[in-house]
Amino acid sequence: MCVTAVESRPAGVALTPSPGGHRPFGARIKAFVALTKPRIIELLLITTVPVMFLAQQGVPNLWLVFVTCLGGYLSAGGANALNMWYDRDIDALMDRTSQRPLVTGMVSPRECLVFGITLAVVSTLWFGLLVNWLSAWLSLGALLFYVVVYTMILKRRTTQNIVWGGIAGCMPVLIGWSSVTNSMSWAAVILFMVIFFWTPPHYWPLSMKVKDDYERVGVPMLPVVAGNKVVARQIVLYSWVMVAVSLLLTPLGYTGWFYTAVALLTGGWWLWEAHALQTRAKAGATGGKLKEMRLFHWSITYVSLLFVAVAVDPFLR
């Protein structure tokens, strides 16, 4: 489904600071940090570091962990800043994004664009010179995919935006592996696919909660163009595939009993929550009775526990 990009902005919302406007230094620093979306980057690091432990089959070089994480923060931060620069028109119209730095005028569009491009360049060189060039190209590829493919092409045009756009969020897994080995492995590919199938059922419950925001700006997130029953069915389908893929590591010899036990327990609970959401959706539950955010919050716990198990498992084999 295609939609027309929204160009309008609400009256009285300034996307650039007024001449002579007061912008305290401390608030400006916080605004630039906010451009990097630190809470999202936390999830990216959760998937990067454990994979480094798996690749090393033990404790990786701690300096390498530090430079990889910092490089990942700079790269993802640059991508997020460029995402805010491009989406500043619809951010001004959505309740949940109305306090972003470009909407409030704490950071100007030009400043944001320069900031994002600078982080992109610095992070690529950082990876190339301090980690390896395979990791550098992977990080740059993730940044370009998120900004160009997801933000500029997919987000406002198709209900599959978060499905394919989520590839950018899968890349830290590959970067974590390549930073240790300077190569790729089926283990990294499997964990990449876990995050790929995790992303839609992670994000769609949140989209169900804030679908009025997306509908207002013409962004065709699946809950905007489909009913709750359709969305819940898709969540269940992706959830089953995700759990099945997560269990492939053990028969292929990359993990042992501990990871398998955690994957089964956490995956089982995920499927319980996904089916419960589908049951409520089929019954016509709406608003607070739908309880869609239960699965959203659990999805963060799930990926955290699963990747902790990835890091711990090598020590128990």
Foldseek 3Di string as FASTA:
>chain_A
DFDDFFQDADPPFALADDVPDDQDPVNLVVLLVVLLVVVLLVLLLLLQLLLLLLLVLHHFDVVLNVLLSVLLSLLSRLLSLLLCLLCVRLLNQFPVSVPRCSRNNSAHSVRSNVSSVVSLVVSLVSCCVPFNNVLSVLSNVLSCLLNPVQRPPNFQTDLCSQLVSQLSSLSSLQSSNCSNVVDGDVVSVLSSVLSSLLRLLLCVLVCQVRVVSCVVRRGPHPVVVDAQLVSLVSSLVSLVVSLVSQQVCVVVPSFDDQLNVLSVVLSVVLNVVSVVLNVCRVVVDDDVSSVSCVNNVSSSVSSSSNSVSSNCGSVVD
